[in-house]
């Protein structure tokens, strides 16, 4: 009886320990997802191939080997039930200056040199990688694509990635065209809920891999400081990874209840930082944009050239035809303009208004319609956030005059006048109209023409804008 009692007491203690351990680690619920893990892998590999074409990939074996070893350690520490056998993990360093890292569905991860330059310890880099790995394991990329299949979001949701090509060919759309949905959709600005999930799961993975989860909070603080510094690369990561609030506090609280695995050997970290320093200077996104990414010209392969940019643009027809943007909008456009339905946008351009020039594809005349994720119902703030993402790859883009209020389809809207360097020489005039769709998504209508041609197109642009009818459910 005494022995049995002791055994039962021991069992009770063991159960209590298990219960305490279970409560100490935050449970994370997988979001709704209409895709299979196999589809995650397919989309991720397609997008990764595009990234490798566009970005300056680092091939130094000291760096690539180190990053793969670090990534494999984190994968080994991840929850078994989330590691789908079909996943194809890879960890690729790129010689980019911004503090950034991103992971694609199914496993490919890319880490900017700027992340290593900013990190004080291996644990800080491991923390960001664990966070990005968590986005893969929780399948946040295709969960975002699932959301994007709402009927009134058939144009795609890009949050800035559409901006580059439409305002003269900048960095915003460098990799927004590499997969079935466009990489921009898969790298869509994560929600704060998704960010917190990745923070907490990342902290759990770090602890099992032997890293102090508090290093993740410290790295986020570094990124936050850099994002506020003039000319820093911090905002690129922050733009797609919004701060859920109290980030360091809840990561530290999570860390208190986690059991640490064996500490890793971090002696290679300083050697790898030295190897990075020996590389050619890192590129910024703006520099990458000016040379059109990698060796490939900037273009959306789903959009064919309309004439030859630089040649005279004919007068707009006085006859108009209707176009439909999924279930988002309807509008009337000149009959002699061509509609270009891309993976993420709808452009309508005159002859010689879109096509290759000096090795890259440019958009010089016409209009563009699109949508972007917004994290606020404040229209000026949502417009500013969208423009900030666009401007990061278009250093010559500037506000001229002041913003004005107007209406689009009887909804309150904002008019933002802009100028940018034209690929034809001189400047181009851009006018951005923004309003909200019923679900809070930002809808925009944008006009573009070289400064010398602006007067010729002003009435046409106004007529197109006045014809817009938003047809999303309210």
Protein backbone atom coordinates (compact mmCIF):
# COMPACT_ATOMS: atom_id res chain seq x y z
CA UNK A 1 0.00 0.00 0.00
CA UNK A 2 2.80 2.42 0.93
CA UNK A 3 4.70 1.67 -2.30
CA UNK A 4 1.54 2.13 -4.35
CA UNK A 5 0.84 5.40 -2.57
CA UNK A 6 4.37 6.63 -3.34
CA UNK A 7 3.98 5.66 -6.98
CA UNK A 8 0.67 7.51 -7.17
CA UNK A 9 2.21 10.54 -5.48
CA UNK A 10 5.07 10.47 -7.97
CA UNK A 11 2.62 10.20 -10.84
CA UNK A 12 0.68 13.19 -9.51
CA UNK A 13 3.86 15.23 -9.31
CA UNK A 14 4.80 14.25 -12.85
CA UNK A 15 1.36 15.22 -14.11
CA UNK A 16 1.59 18.52 -12.27
CA UNK A 17 4.96 19.22 -13.89
CA UNK A 18 3.57 18.39 -17.32
CA UNK A 19 0.58 20.63 -16.72
CA UNK A 20 2.81 23.46 -15.57
CA UNK A 21 5.07 23.02 -18.59
CA UNK A 22 2.09 23.01 -20.91
CA UNK A 23 0.75 26.20 -19.37
CA UNK A 24 4.15 27.91 -19.47
CA UNK A 25 4.39 27.75 -23.24
CA UNK A 26 1.79 29.73 -25.13
CA UNK A 27 -0.36 27.58 -27.41
CA UNK A 28 -0.58 28.96 -30.95
CA UNK A 29 -3.55 28.36 -33.23
CA UNK A 30 -2.95 27.86 -36.94
CA UNK A 31 -4.82 30.42 -39.08
CA UNK A 32 -7.33 29.51 -41.77
CA UNK A 33 -5.61 28.30 -44.92
CA UNK A 34 -7.11 27.05 -48.19
CA UNK A 35 -3.78 25.78 -49.51
CA UNK A 36 -1.94 22.51 -49.01
CA UNK A 37 1.66 22.27 -47.74
CA UNK A 38 2.59 21.02 -51.22
CA UNK A 39 1.22 24.25 -52.68
CA UNK A 40 3.22 26.24 -50.12
CA UNK A 41 6.38 24.54 -51.38
CA UNK A 42 5.55 25.11 -55.05
CA UNK A 43 4.78 28.80 -54.54
CA UNK A 44 7.80 29.31 -52.31
CA UNK A 45 10.24 27.70 -54.74
CA UNK A 46 8.88 29.75 -57.65
CA UNK A 47 9.20 32.95 -55.69
CA UNK A 48 12.66 32.03 -54.37
CA UNK A 49 13.91 31.54 -57.92
CA UNK A 50 12.76 35.08 -58.73
CA UNK A 51 14.46 36.49 -55.63
CA UNK A 52 17.75 34.84 -56.61
CA UNK A 53 17.53 36.45 -60.04
CA UNK A 54 16.87 39.90 -58.62
CA UNK A 55 19.01 40.01 -55.47
CA UNK A 56 22.82 39.93 -55.07
CA UNK A 57 23.14 36.44 -53.58
CA UNK A 58 26.27 35.81 -51.48
CA UNK A 59 28.18 32.65 -52.43
CA UNK A 60 31.06 32.86 -49.92
CA UNK A 61 31.19 29.33 -48.44
CA UNK A 62 32.08 30.58 -44.96
CA UNK A 63 28.89 32.61 -44.86
CA UNK A 64 26.57 30.19 -46.66
CA UNK A 65 27.75 27.23 -44.61
CA UNK A 66 27.36 29.12 -41.35
CA UNK A 67 23.86 30.33 -42.21
CA UNK A 68 22.75 26.83 -43.25
CA UNK A 69 24.08 25.33 -40.01
CA UNK A 70 22.28 27.98 -37.98
CA UNK A 71 19.06 27.50 -39.93
CA UNK A 72 19.19 23.72 -39.62
CA UNK A 73 19.63 24.01 -35.85
CA UNK A 74 16.49 26.11 -35.61
CA UNK A 75 14.50 23.74 -37.82
CA UNK A 76 15.56 20.82 -35.61
CA UNK A 77 14.23 22.70 -32.59
CA UNK A 78 10.86 23.49 -34.18
CA UNK A 79 7.69 21.60 -33.11
CA UNK A 80 7.54 18.30 -34.94
CA UNK A 81 3.84 18.62 -35.72
CA UNK A 82 4.47 21.83 -37.70
CA UNK A 83 7.39 20.52 -39.78
CA UNK A 84 5.73 19.12 -42.87
CA UNK A 85 7.88 16.46 -44.62
CA UNK A 86 7.42 18.22 -47.97
CA UNK A 87 9.03 21.47 -46.82
CA UNK A 88 12.27 22.45 -48.52
CA UNK A 89 14.25 24.68 -46.19
CA UNK A 90 17.07 26.87 -47.49
CA UNK A 91 18.92 29.79 -45.94
CA UNK A 92 20.39 32.27 -48.40
CA UNK A 93 22.45 35.37 -47.53
CA UNK A 94 22.10 38.42 -49.79
CA UNK A 95 24.43 41.40 -50.00
CA UNK A 96 21.78 43.99 -49.15
CA UNK A 97 22.31 46.88 -46.76
CA UNK A 98 18.86 47.05 -45.17
CA UNK A 99 18.13 45.28 -41.90
CA UNK A 100 15.83 42.66 -43.28
CA UNK A 101 15.09 38.96 -43.54
CA UNK A 102 12.13 37.16 -45.05
CA UNK A 103 10.93 33.60 -45.49
CA UNK A 104 8.72 32.22 -48.25
CA UNK A 105 6.06 29.52 -48.03
CA UNK A 106 7.47 26.03 -47.81
CA UNK A 107 10.90 26.94 -46.43
CA UNK A 108 13.17 29.30 -48.44
CA UNK A 109 14.63 32.07 -46.27
CA UNK A 110 16.73 35.08 -47.25
CA UNK A 111 18.82 37.07 -44.77
CA UNK A 112 20.23 40.50 -45.58
CA UNK A 113 23.81 41.34 -44.73
CA UNK A 114 22.39 44.37 -42.91
CA UNK A 115 20.86 42.03 -40.33
CA UNK A 116 24.30 40.66 -39.44
CA UNK A 117 25.84 44.13 -39.43
CA UNK A 118 23.25 45.30 -36.90
CA UNK A 119 23.35 42.21 -34.64
CA UNK A 120 25.58 42.15 -31.58
CA UNK A 121 25.31 38.39 -30.99
CA UNK A 122 24.47 35.19 -32.84
CA UNK A 123 21.36 34.91 -30.68
CA UNK A 124 19.97 38.11 -32.17
CA UNK A 125 20.33 36.79 -35.73
CA UNK A 126 18.98 33.40 -34.64
CA UNK A 127 15.99 35.18 -33.12
CA UNK A 128 15.01 36.89 -36.36
CA UNK A 129 15.54 33.65 -38.28
CA UNK A 130 13.38 31.77 -35.76
CA UNK A 131 10.71 34.42 -36.19
CA UNK A 132 10.82 34.03 -39.99
CA UNK A 133 10.85 30.24 -39.71
CA UNK A 134 7.72 30.54 -37.58
CA UNK A 135 5.95 32.34 -40.44
CA UNK A 136 6.77 29.28 -42.59
CA UNK A 137 5.65 26.73 -40.00
CA UNK A 138 2.42 28.60 -39.26
CA UNK A 139 1.91 29.04 -43.01
CA UNK A 140 1.25 32.76 -42.72
CA UNK A 141 2.18 33.44 -46.35
CA UNK A 142 -0.56 31.29 -47.86
CA UNK A 143 -2.91 32.28 -45.03
CA UNK A 144 -2.47 35.80 -46.40
CA UNK A 145 -3.10 34.52 -49.92
CA UNK A 146 -6.25 32.84 -48.57
CA UNK A 147 -7.45 36.21 -47.30
CA UNK A 148 -6.61 37.76 -50.66
CA UNK A 149 -9.15 35.51 -52.33
CA UNK A 150 -12.00 37.62 -50.95
CA UNK A 151 -14.21 38.58 -53.94
CA UNK A 152 -13.31 42.28 -53.82
CA UNK A 153 -9.57 41.64 -53.57
CA UNK A 154 -9.05 39.94 -56.92
CA UNK A 155 -6.53 42.56 -57.96
CA UNK A 156 -4.13 41.31 -55.27
CA UNK A 157 -2.97 42.91 -52.05
CA UNK A 158 0.50 44.37 -52.27
CA UNK A 159 1.13 47.06 -49.62
CA UNK A 160 3.69 49.00 -51.57
CA UNK A 161 5.14 46.37 -53.86
CA UNK A 162 3.03 47.61 -56.76
CA UNK A 163 4.56 51.03 -56.53
CA UNK A 164 7.90 50.63 -58.21
CA UNK A 165 7.01 49.94 -61.81
CA UNK A 166 3.94 52.14 -61.90
CA UNK A 167 5.81 55.33 -61.03
CA UNK A 168 8.71 54.92 -63.38
CA UNK A 169 10.31 51.65 -62.45
CA UNK A 170 11.52 51.44 -58.84
CA UNK A 171 12.29 48.74 -56.35
CA UNK A 172 8.76 48.21 -55.11
CA UNK A 173 7.91 45.59 -57.70
CA UNK A 174 11.33 43.98 -58.13
CA UNK A 175 10.10 40.65 -56.87
CA UNK A 176 6.35 41.13 -57.06
CA UNK A 177 5.97 38.90 -60.09
CA UNK A 178 7.67 35.60 -59.42
CA UNK A 179 4.89 33.22 -58.53
CA UNK A 180 1.28 32.37 -59.15
CA UNK A 181 0.08 35.09 -56.80
CA UNK A 182 3.03 37.43 -57.12
CA UNK A 183 5.65 37.51 -54.40
CA UNK A 184 4.20 40.76 -53.14
CA UNK A 185 1.03 38.96 -52.08
CA UNK A 186 2.95 36.28 -50.21
CA UNK A 187 5.14 38.89 -48.53
CA UNK A 188 2.10 40.95 -47.78
CA UNK A 189 2.29 43.06 -44.67
CA UNK A 190 1.64 40.57 -41.88
CA UNK A 191 -1.12 41.32 -39.42
CA UNK A 192 -0.18 42.12 -35.84
CA UNK A 193 -1.77 38.82 -34.78
CA UNK A 194 0.49 36.90 -37.19
CA UNK A 195 3.49 38.87 -35.93
CA UNK A 196 2.76 38.00 -32.32
CA UNK A 197 2.32 34.34 -33.24
CA UNK A 198 5.72 34.34 -34.98
CA UNK A 199 7.31 36.14 -32.01
CA UNK A 200 6.03 33.58 -29.50
CA UNK A 201 6.75 30.48 -31.58
CA UNK A 202 10.14 31.97 -32.48
CA UNK A 203 10.94 32.40 -28.79
CA UNK A 204 9.97 28.77 -28.14
CA UNK A 205 12.19 27.54 -30.99
CA UNK A 206 15.09 29.66 -29.76
CA UNK A 207 14.90 28.21 -26.27
CA UNK A 208 14.89 24.62 -27.51
CA UNK A 209 17.85 25.48 -29.77
CA UNK A 210 19.76 26.84 -26.77
CA UNK A 211 19.43 30.57 -27.50
CA UNK A 212 18.09 33.10 -25.02
CA UNK A 213 14.69 34.23 -26.38
CA UNK A 214 15.34 37.67 -24.89
CA UNK A 215 17.84 38.18 -27.73
CA UNK A 216 14.86 38.34 -30.09
CA UNK A 217 13.40 41.24 -28.13
CA UNK A 218 16.78 43.00 -28.12
CA UNK A 219 17.07 42.65 -31.90
CA UNK A 220 13.60 44.09 -32.38
CA UNK A 221 14.64 47.06 -30.27
CA UNK A 222 17.69 47.53 -32.53
CA UNK A 223 15.48 47.39 -35.63
CA UNK A 224 13.08 49.89 -34.04
CA UNK A 225 15.94 52.31 -33.30
CA UNK A 226 17.33 51.94 -36.80
CA UNK A 227 13.91 52.55 -38.32
CA UNK A 228 13.84 55.97 -36.66
CA UNK A 229 17.35 56.92 -37.77
CA UNK A 230 17.78 58.99 -40.88
CA UNK A 231 18.88 56.96 -43.87
CA UNK A 232 18.77 53.60 -42.07
CA UNK A 233 17.50 50.36 -43.56
CA UNK A 234 15.24 49.49 -40.66
CA UNK A 235 11.89 50.48 -42.12
CA UNK A 236 12.01 47.74 -44.79
CA UNK A 237 11.60 45.00 -42.18
CA UNK A 238 9.17 47.04 -40.11
CA UNK A 239 6.93 47.75 -43.12
CA UNK A 240 6.04 44.07 -43.54
CA UNK A 241 6.35 43.15 -39.84
CA UNK A 242 4.27 45.67 -37.86
CA UNK A 243 4.93 45.88 -34.12
CA UNK A 244 2.07 44.23 -32.21
CA UNK A 245 2.92 46.42 -29.21
CA UNK A 246 4.71 45.52 -25.96
CA UNK A 247 6.86 43.19 -28.04
CA UNK A 248 9.86 42.93 -25.76
CA UNK A 249 7.66 42.53 -22.69
CA UNK A 250 5.64 39.58 -23.95
CA UNK A 251 8.71 37.88 -25.44
CA UNK A 252 10.50 38.19 -22.09
CA UNK A 253 7.42 36.88 -20.29
CA UNK A 254 7.29 33.90 -22.65
CA UNK A 255 11.00 33.28 -22.03
CA UNK A 256 10.42 32.97 -18.28
CA UNK A 257 8.40 29.78 -18.73
CA UNK A 258 10.61 28.07 -21.32
CA UNK A 259 13.22 25.38 -20.76
CA UNK A 260 16.56 26.10 -22.41
CA UNK A 261 18.25 23.48 -24.58
CA UNK A 262 22.02 22.96 -24.64
CA UNK A 263 23.85 26.19 -25.50
CA UNK A 264 25.28 26.26 -29.03
CA UNK A 265 28.87 27.07 -29.93
CA UNK A 266 28.75 30.65 -31.19
CA UNK A 267 32.47 31.08 -31.90
CA UNK A 268 31.86 31.33 -35.66
CA UNK A 269 29.69 34.44 -35.38
CA UNK A 270 32.54 36.96 -35.20
CA UNK A 271 34.42 35.19 -38.00
CA UNK A 272 31.36 35.39 -40.23
CA UNK A 273 30.96 39.09 -39.52
CA UNK A 274 34.57 39.50 -40.65
CA UNK A 275 33.76 37.54 -43.82
CA UNK A 276 30.84 39.88 -44.52
CA UNK A 277 33.14 42.88 -44.11
CA UNK A 278 35.45 41.51 -46.82
CA UNK A 279 32.64 41.46 -49.42
CA UNK A 280 31.96 44.24 -51.94
CA UNK A 281 29.79 47.05 -50.51
CA UNK A 282 26.22 46.04 -49.80
CA UNK A 283 23.53 47.42 -52.11
CA UNK A 284 20.48 49.34 -51.05
CA UNK A 285 17.02 48.68 -52.47
CA UNK A 286 17.19 52.01 -54.29
CA UNK A 287 20.46 51.01 -55.98
CA UNK A 288 18.96 47.68 -56.92
CA UNK A 289 15.98 49.47 -58.43
CA UNK A 290 18.11 51.79 -60.54
CA UNK A 291 19.81 48.85 -62.20
CA UNK A 292 16.58 46.86 -62.49
CA UNK A 293 17.30 44.27 -59.81
CA UNK A 294 19.56 41.52 -61.07
CA UNK A 295 20.41 41.01 -64.70
CA UNK A 296 16.75 40.88 -65.66
CA UNK A 297 14.82 43.96 -66.85
CA UNK A 298 12.01 45.21 -64.65
CA UNK A 299 8.71 44.01 -66.03
CA UNK A 300 5.63 42.04 -65.32
CA UNK A 301 5.81 39.14 -67.78
CA UNK A 302 2.02 39.02 -67.88
CA UNK A 303 1.99 42.55 -69.40
CA UNK A 304 3.02 43.02 -73.02
CA UNK A 305 4.56 46.21 -74.34
CA UNK A 306 2.20 48.78 -75.83
CA UNK A 307 4.23 50.44 -78.56
CA UNK A 308 7.66 51.96 -77.95
CA UNK A 309 8.18 54.36 -75.05
CA UNK A 310 9.83 57.56 -76.25
CA UNK A 311 7.83 57.65 -79.46
CA UNK A 312 4.96 60.19 -79.75
CA UNK A 313 1.84 59.26 -77.79
CA UNK A 314 -1.38 59.76 -79.83
CA UNK A 315 -4.28 61.87 -78.63
CA UNK A 316 -6.78 59.96 -76.44
CA UNK A 317 -9.92 58.86 -78.24
CA UNK A 318 -13.11 60.78 -77.55
CA UNK A 319 -14.91 57.41 -77.47
CA UNK A 320 -14.81 55.50 -74.17
CA UNK A 321 -15.23 51.86 -73.20
CA UNK A 322 -15.90 50.19 -69.84
CA UNK A 323 -13.45 48.06 -67.84
CA UNK A 324 -14.04 45.90 -64.77
CA UNK A 325 -11.59 45.26 -61.98
CA UNK A 326 -12.91 41.98 -60.64
CA UNK A 327 -15.64 42.81 -58.15
CA UNK A 328 -13.74 45.87 -56.96
CA UNK A 329 -14.55 48.61 -59.45
CA UNK A 330 -15.77 49.68 -62.87
CA UNK A 331 -14.47 52.60 -64.92
CA UNK A 332 -14.54 54.14 -68.40
CA UNK A 333 -11.31 54.61 -70.38
CA UNK A 334 -10.43 55.91 -73.87
CA UNK A 335 -11.24 53.37 -76.56
CA UNK A 336 -7.74 53.56 -78.07
CA UNK A 337 -6.00 52.75 -74.76
CA UNK A 338 -4.90 49.21 -73.93
CA UNK A 339 -5.75 47.41 -70.66
CA UNK A 340 -2.91 45.48 -69.05
CA UNK A 341 -4.20 43.07 -66.43
CA UNK A 342 -1.21 42.06 -64.35
CA UNK A 343 -1.00 39.77 -61.38
CA UNK A 344 -1.40 42.65 -58.96
CA UNK A 345 -2.63 45.69 -60.87
CA UNK A 346 -4.67 46.93 -63.80
CA UNK A 347 -2.99 49.52 -66.00
CA UNK A 348 -4.64 51.27 -68.93
CA UNK A 349 -2.16 52.92 -71.28
CA UNK A 350 -2.00 54.71 -74.63
CA UNK A 351 0.20 53.59 -77.53
CA UNK A 352 3.90 53.99 -76.61
CA UNK A 353 3.01 54.37 -72.93
CA UNK A 354 4.38 51.06 -71.63
CA UNK A 355 7.31 48.93 -72.74
CA UNK A 356 11.10 48.48 -72.75
CA UNK A 357 13.56 51.34 -72.79
CA UNK A 358 17.28 51.16 -72.04
CA UNK A 359 17.03 47.58 -70.77
CA UNK A 360 14.04 47.93 -68.47
CA UNK A 361 10.28 48.09 -68.80
CA UNK A 362 8.75 51.45 -67.95
CA UNK A 363 5.28 52.92 -67.54
CA UNK A 364 5.29 56.52 -68.80
CA UNK A 365 1.68 57.43 -69.64
CA UNK A 366 -1.70 56.22 -68.41
CA UNK A 367 -3.57 55.17 -65.30
CA UNK A 368 -3.34 52.38 -62.77
CA UNK A 369 -5.85 50.88 -60.36
CA UNK A 370 -4.96 48.73 -57.37
CA UNK A 371 -5.45 47.87 -53.71
CA UNK A 372 -3.14 47.71 -50.70
CA UNK A 373 -3.47 46.42 -47.16
CA UNK A 374 -4.02 49.19 -44.59
CA UNK A 375 -3.55 48.87 -40.84
CA UNK A 376 -5.53 51.97 -40.00
CA UNK A 377 -8.87 53.54 -40.90
CA UNK A 378 -7.19 56.95 -40.95
CA UNK A 379 -6.99 57.69 -44.68
CA UNK A 380 -4.06 60.18 -44.55
CA UNK A 381 -2.06 57.74 -42.41
CA UNK A 382 -2.88 54.76 -44.64
CA UNK A 383 -1.91 56.77 -47.73
CA UNK A 384 1.31 57.93 -46.08
CA UNK A 385 2.26 54.35 -45.16
CA UNK A 386 1.64 53.20 -48.73
CA UNK A 387 3.66 56.07 -50.17
CA UNK A 388 6.51 55.44 -47.72
CA UNK A 389 6.82 51.90 -49.02
CA UNK A 390 6.81 53.15 -52.61
CA UNK A 391 9.28 55.96 -51.91
CA UNK A 392 11.82 53.55 -50.41
CA UNK A 393 12.52 52.34 -53.94
CA UNK A 394 11.91 55.65 -55.70
CA UNK A 395 14.27 58.19 -54.15
CA UNK A 396 13.21 60.94 -56.58
CA UNK A 397 9.51 60.66 -55.72
CA UNK A 398 8.33 63.86 -54.02
CA UNK A 399 5.13 65.45 -52.81
CA UNK A 400 4.27 68.72 -54.60
CA UNK A 401 1.71 71.07 -53.16
CA UNK A 402 -0.70 69.78 -50.55
CA UNK A 403 -3.10 66.88 -50.28
CA UNK A 404 -6.77 67.63 -50.91
CA UNK A 405 -10.00 65.84 -50.07
CA UNK A 406 -12.33 64.61 -52.80
CA UNK A 407 -14.69 61.72 -53.48
CA UNK A 408 -14.40 58.46 -55.38
CA UNK A 409 -17.71 56.74 -56.05
CA UNK A 410 -19.32 58.88 -53.31
CA UNK A 411 -16.72 57.84 -50.75
CA UNK A 412 -14.34 60.21 -49.00
CA UNK A 413 -11.01 60.19 -50.80
CA UNK A 414 -7.64 61.90 -50.74
CA UNK A 415 -5.73 63.43 -53.67
CA UNK A 416 -1.92 63.42 -53.42
CA UNK A 417 0.09 65.28 -56.11
CA UNK A 418 3.57 63.90 -56.75
CA UNK A 419 6.53 64.26 -59.09
CA UNK A 420 9.18 61.72 -59.99
CA UNK A 421 12.10 61.38 -62.38
CA UNK A 422 10.75 60.27 -65.76
CA UNK A 423 12.50 57.45 -67.65
CA UNK A 424 12.07 59.68 -70.73
CA UNK A 425 14.07 62.47 -69.12
CA UNK A 426 12.94 65.36 -66.97
CA UNK A 427 10.09 64.83 -64.54
CA UNK A 428 6.75 63.07 -64.61
CA UNK A 429 3.59 64.23 -62.88
CA UNK A 430 1.76 61.66 -60.77
CA UNK A 431 -1.56 62.10 -59.01
CA UNK A 432 -2.63 59.49 -56.48
CA UNK A 433 -6.26 59.12 -55.40
CA UNK A 434 -6.95 56.89 -52.38
CA UNK A 435 -10.04 55.73 -50.52
CA UNK A 436 -11.11 52.73 -48.46
CA UNK A 437 -13.00 49.66 -49.58
CA UNK A 438 -15.67 48.30 -47.28
CA UNK A 439 -13.28 45.95 -45.48
CA UNK A 440 -10.68 48.65 -44.80
CA UNK A 441 -8.42 47.83 -47.74
CA UNK A 442 -6.91 50.88 -49.45
CA UNK A 443 -8.07 51.39 -53.04
CA UNK A 444 -6.03 53.67 -55.28
CA UNK A 445 -6.33 55.29 -58.70
CA UNK A 446 -3.09 56.71 -60.07
CA UNK A 447 -2.38 58.86 -63.14
CA UNK A 448 1.04 59.32 -64.71
CA UNK A 449 2.42 61.41 -67.58
CA UNK A 450 5.64 63.29 -68.33
CA UNK A 451 5.49 66.91 -67.22
CA UNK A 452 5.48 68.11 -70.85
CA UNK A 453 2.38 65.99 -71.62
CA UNK A 454 0.41 66.60 -68.42
CA UNK A 455 -1.87 69.30 -69.81
CA UNK A 456 -2.77 67.07 -72.77
CA UNK A 457 -3.97 64.28 -70.45
CA UNK A 458 -5.48 66.28 -67.57
CA UNK A 459 -9.10 66.19 -68.77
CA UNK A 460 -8.88 62.50 -69.70
CA UNK A 461 -7.52 61.58 -66.27
CA UNK A 462 -10.30 63.54 -64.57
CA UNK A 463 -12.96 61.90 -66.72
CA UNK A 464 -11.63 58.41 -65.90
CA UNK A 465 -11.54 59.27 -62.21
CA UNK A 466 -15.10 60.59 -62.27
CA UNK A 467 -16.28 57.36 -63.94
CA UNK A 468 -14.95 55.04 -61.20
CA UNK A 469 -17.67 53.03 -59.47
CA UNK A 470 -16.59 50.93 -56.51
CA UNK A 471 -18.57 47.70 -56.52
CA UNK A 472 -17.24 45.92 -53.42
CA UNK A 473 -19.88 44.78 -50.92
CA UNK A 474 -20.62 47.30 -48.19
